[in-house]
Amino acid sequence: MTKRGLTCVVRALAFNVATFLSLTAYAQNVGDEVVRQLRDLPTSLPAMGRSDGTIDPVEQRRGVLYQQLLQLGDEGSRALAEALREPDVQLRRNVALALAILAGDWNVSTQKQKLNIRAYLPALVAALRDDDGSVRGRVAQAIGTIGPEAAPAVSDLVTLLTATDEGSRNSACIALYGIGPVARGALPALRRALSDPSADVRRFAQRAIEKIEGQR
């Protein structure tokens, strides 16, 4: 290759790298902006639809934002995971809800695919220690959607089984159910949960035990 040809190749490579970095930065900015807009949404889904069959405008907005996050793929996952460290509890609650829905099997109208959140498991595990029970519970459910690859979270989920709020304990059982047989280390704690004051926790613990032991 001539010197001139080599120079052209180097310039082309430099242009491609610069373009890639520019597009990556743009996607990051978009992802962060979409996540910030979750702040203004209600922190729970409506229990039922409107009697006239129409969709609440606020829930339409949620659907649009969720669809944008799905389209962003890994950048959507990254932006959500990083937002779990935000000081605004309203935002953290909505971020945790979005993670549980978009990474899971919830049948929302916008969902044609799932977010892959496996790469952000450390951030999710850290959020299991959030001061807010709603954040902890929803993040736990999001972790359960990862399946066996979420095995590193088992010890933290076992700790969550001792939380004072019932929602966190329920979600810990649900997450361990999702992780499945590789969560065998959680069996002693789950068996203790069979004596939990809450009937729901006892039921979810039993389901998790059966899944881990291969009965489901």
Protein backbone atom coordinates (compact mmCIF):
# COMPACT_ATOMS: atom_id res chain seq x y z
CA MET A 1 0.00 0.00 0.00
CA THR A 2 1.28 3.44 -0.89
CA LYS A 3 1.84 6.13 1.69
CA ARG A 4 -1.10 8.06 0.26
CA GLY A 5 -3.33 5.00 0.44
CA LEU A 6 -2.32 4.34 4.03
CA THR A 7 -3.11 7.95 4.93
CA CYS A 8 -6.59 7.57 3.43
CA VAL A 9 -7.22 4.41 5.43
CA VAL A 10 -6.10 6.06 8.66
CA ARG A 11 -8.33 9.06 8.00
CA ALA A 12 -11.28 6.81 7.23
CA LEU A 13 -10.74 4.87 10.46
CA ALA A 14 -10.44 8.07 12.45
CA PHE A 15 -13.68 9.34 10.90
CA ASN A 16 -15.49 6.10 11.72
CA VAL A 17 -14.26 6.15 15.32
CA ALA A 18 -15.27 9.78 15.73
CA THR A 19 -18.69 9.05 14.25
CA PHE A 20 -19.17 6.07 16.55
CA LEU A 21 -18.21 8.08 19.62
CA SER A 22 -20.52 10.88 18.57
CA LEU A 23 -23.45 8.52 18.07
CA THR A 24 -22.73 6.81 21.39
CA ALA A 25 -22.69 10.13 23.23
CA TYR A 26 -25.94 11.10 21.51
CA ALA A 27 -27.61 7.83 22.56
CA GLN A 28 -26.40 8.33 26.14
CA ASN A 29 -27.84 11.82 26.24
CA VAL A 30 -31.15 10.61 24.84
CA GLY A 31 -31.30 7.73 27.31
CA ASP A 32 -30.61 10.00 30.27
CA GLU A 33 -33.24 12.49 29.10
CA VAL A 34 -35.91 9.82 28.64
CA VAL A 35 -35.22 8.47 32.12
CA ARG A 36 -35.47 11.95 33.63
CA GLN A 37 -38.96 12.25 32.17
CA LEU A 38 -40.07 9.24 34.22
CA ARG A 39 -39.85 11.49 37.27
CA ASP A 40 -43.27 13.04 36.68
CA LEU A 41 -45.22 9.79 36.31
CA PRO A 42 -47.24 8.06 39.04
CA THR A 43 -45.07 5.52 40.85
CA SER A 44 -47.50 2.66 40.31
CA LEU A 45 -49.56 1.33 37.44
CA PRO A 46 -53.34 1.81 37.52
CA ALA A 47 -55.20 -1.15 38.98
CA MET A 48 -57.60 -1.23 36.04
CA GLY A 49 -58.36 0.55 32.80
CA ARG A 50 -60.90 3.28 32.32
CA SER A 51 -64.52 2.22 32.20
CA ASP A 52 -64.93 3.76 28.73
CA GLY A 53 -62.00 1.76 27.35
CA THR A 54 -59.78 4.77 26.71
CA ILE A 55 -56.19 5.01 27.93
CA ASP A 56 -55.30 7.62 30.50
CA PRO A 57 -53.04 10.30 28.92
CA VAL A 58 -50.51 9.83 31.71
CA GLU A 59 -50.30 6.11 30.96
CA GLN A 60 -50.02 6.87 27.26
CA ARG A 61 -47.02 9.01 28.14
CA ARG A 62 -45.54 6.15 30.16
CA GLY A 63 -45.98 3.85 27.18
CA VAL A 64 -44.17 6.28 24.88
CA LEU A 65 -41.24 6.61 27.26
CA TYR A 66 -41.03 2.85 27.75
CA GLN A 67 -41.01 2.32 24.00
CA GLN A 68 -38.17 4.80 23.63
CA LEU A 69 -36.16 2.97 26.27
CA LEU A 70 -36.73 -0.33 24.51
CA GLN A 71 -35.57 1.17 21.23
CA LEU A 72 -32.41 2.46 22.90
CA GLY A 73 -31.55 -1.09 23.98
CA ASP A 74 -28.37 -1.21 26.07
CA GLU A 75 -28.32 2.58 26.43
CA GLY A 76 -31.83 2.39 27.89
CA SER A 77 -30.67 -0.25 30.37
CA ARG A 78 -27.60 1.80 31.31
CA ALA A 79 -29.58 4.99 31.84
CA LEU A 80 -32.10 3.21 34.07
CA ALA A 81 -29.43 1.42 36.09
CA GLU A 82 -27.46 4.62 36.70
CA ALA A 83 -30.61 6.50 37.72
CA LEU A 84 -31.04 4.09 40.66
CA ARG A 85 -28.46 6.29 42.41
CA GLU A 86 -30.47 9.50 41.96
CA PRO A 87 -31.41 11.29 45.22
CA ASP A 88 -35.04 11.79 44.09
CA VAL A 89 -37.01 8.84 45.47
CA GLN A 90 -39.89 9.52 43.06
CA LEU A 91 -37.53 9.02 40.15
CA ARG A 92 -35.93 5.92 41.68
CA ARG A 93 -39.35 4.35 42.19
CA ASN A 94 -40.32 4.93 38.58
CA VAL A 95 -36.95 3.70 37.34
CA ALA A 96 -37.29 0.50 39.39
CA LEU A 97 -40.82 0.00 38.04
CA ALA A 98 -39.60 0.48 34.46
CA LEU A 99 -36.80 -2.04 35.00
CA ALA A 100 -39.19 -4.66 36.37
CA ILE A 101 -41.61 -4.17 33.47
CA LEU A 102 -39.25 -3.75 30.54
CA ALA A 103 -36.95 -6.61 31.53
CA GLY A 104 -39.79 -8.93 32.46
CA ASP A 105 -42.83 -10.66 31.06
CA TRP A 106 -45.38 -7.99 31.88
CA ASN A 107 -47.73 -7.65 28.95
CA VAL A 108 -47.66 -3.91 28.36
CA SER A 109 -48.92 -2.57 25.06
CA THR A 110 -45.60 -1.01 24.11
CA GLN A 111 -43.52 -4.10 24.70
CA LYS A 112 -42.33 -6.04 21.67
CA GLN A 113 -39.02 -7.00 23.26
CA LYS A 114 -37.25 -6.98 26.60
CA LEU A 115 -34.41 -4.92 27.96
CA ASN A 116 -31.30 -6.94 28.67
CA ILE A 117 -30.17 -5.73 32.10
CA ARG A 118 -27.64 -8.49 32.91
CA ALA A 119 -24.62 -6.21 32.46
CA TYR A 120 -25.99 -3.87 35.13
CA LEU A 121 -26.55 -6.48 37.83
CA PRO A 122 -24.06 -4.82 40.25
CA ALA A 123 -26.07 -1.57 40.15
CA LEU A 124 -29.29 -3.50 40.73
CA VAL A 125 -27.82 -5.41 43.66
CA ALA A 126 -26.68 -2.14 45.22
CA ALA A 127 -30.26 -0.83 44.90
CA LEU A 128 -31.52 -3.75 47.03
CA ARG A 129 -30.17 -1.68 49.93
CA ASP A 130 -32.20 1.40 48.98
CA ASP A 131 -33.94 3.19 51.86
CA ASP A 132 -37.27 2.92 50.02
CA GLY A 133 -39.14 -0.38 50.13
CA SER A 134 -40.83 0.20 46.78
CA VAL A 135 -37.46 0.63 45.07
CA ARG A 136 -36.03 -2.46 46.76
CA GLY A 137 -39.00 -4.63 45.84
CA ARG A 138 -39.20 -3.64 42.20
CA VAL A 139 -35.47 -3.92 41.69
CA ALA A 140 -35.57 -7.41 43.21
CA GLN A 141 -38.24 -8.41 40.71
CA ALA A 142 -36.13 -6.97 37.90
CA ILE A 143 -33.19 -9.07 39.07
CA GLY A 144 -35.37 -12.17 38.95
CA THR A 145 -36.04 -11.58 35.24
CA ILE A 146 -32.35 -12.14 34.52
CA GLY A 147 -32.67 -15.79 35.48
CA PRO A 148 -29.75 -18.05 36.47
CA GLU A 149 -27.19 -15.41 35.49
CA ALA A 150 -28.39 -13.38 38.48
CA ALA A 151 -26.86 -15.95 40.87
CA PRO A 152 -24.42 -13.35 42.30
CA ALA A 153 -27.46 -11.55 43.77
CA VAL A 154 -28.67 -14.52 45.83
CA SER A 155 -26.99 -13.57 49.12
CA ASP A 156 -28.38 -10.03 48.91
CA LEU A 157 -31.85 -11.38 48.16
CA VAL A 158 -31.57 -13.65 51.20
CA THR A 159 -30.86 -10.54 53.26
CA LEU A 160 -33.90 -8.88 51.70
CA LEU A 161 -36.02 -11.77 52.99
CA THR A 162 -35.54 -10.30 56.46
CA ALA A 163 -36.75 -6.80 55.51
CA THR A 164 -39.38 -5.26 57.75
CA ASP A 165 -41.74 -4.47 54.86
CA GLU A 166 -43.78 -7.28 53.37
CA GLY A 167 -43.35 -6.03 49.80
CA SER A 168 -39.58 -6.46 49.91
CA ARG A 169 -39.90 -9.99 51.32
CA ASN A 170 -42.44 -10.92 48.65
CA SER A 171 -40.20 -9.56 45.91
CA ALA A 172 -37.16 -11.39 47.28
CA CYS A 173 -39.08 -14.67 46.96
CA ILE A 174 -40.22 -13.77 43.45
CA ALA A 175 -36.65 -12.95 42.44
CA LEU A 176 -35.29 -16.22 43.83
CA TYR A 177 -38.03 -18.06 41.94
CA GLY A 178 -36.82 -16.36 38.76
CA ILE A 179 -33.20 -17.28 39.38
CA GLY A 180 -34.15 -20.92 39.88
CA PRO A 181 -32.02 -23.94 40.87
CA VAL A 182 -28.74 -22.02 41.04
CA ALA A 183 -30.21 -20.22 44.07
CA ARG A 184 -30.00 -23.34 46.24
CA GLY A 185 -28.08 -21.39 48.84
CA ALA A 186 -31.29 -19.48 49.58
CA LEU A 187 -33.28 -22.60 50.55
CA PRO A 188 -32.70 -22.35 54.34
CA ALA A 189 -33.88 -18.74 54.36
CA LEU A 190 -36.85 -19.58 52.15
CA ARG A 191 -37.85 -22.41 54.47
CA ARG A 192 -37.74 -19.98 57.38
CA ALA A 193 -39.97 -17.68 55.32
CA LEU A 194 -42.63 -20.41 55.35
CA SER A 195 -43.33 -19.18 58.88
CA ASP A 196 -43.61 -15.53 57.82
CA PRO A 197 -46.61 -13.64 59.30
CA SER A 198 -47.72 -12.80 55.76
CA ALA A 199 -49.68 -15.43 53.83
CA ASP A 200 -48.40 -13.93 50.58
CA VAL A 201 -44.76 -14.24 51.63
CA ARG A 202 -45.36 -17.84 52.67
CA ARG A 203 -46.98 -18.59 49.32
CA PHE A 204 -44.20 -16.95 47.28
CA ALA A 205 -41.55 -18.68 49.40
CA GLN A 206 -43.14 -22.07 48.73
CA ARG A 207 -43.21 -21.40 44.99
CA ALA A 208 -39.54 -20.38 45.06
CA ILE A 209 -38.57 -23.52 46.98
CA GLU A 210 -40.40 -25.73 44.50
CA LYS A 211 -38.73 -23.97 41.55
CA ILE A 212 -35.26 -24.19 43.06
CA GLU A 213 -35.73 -27.87 43.92
CA GLY A 214 -36.90 -28.60 40.38
CA GLN A 215 -40.54 -29.33 41.24
CA ARG A 216 -41.81 -26.68 38.79
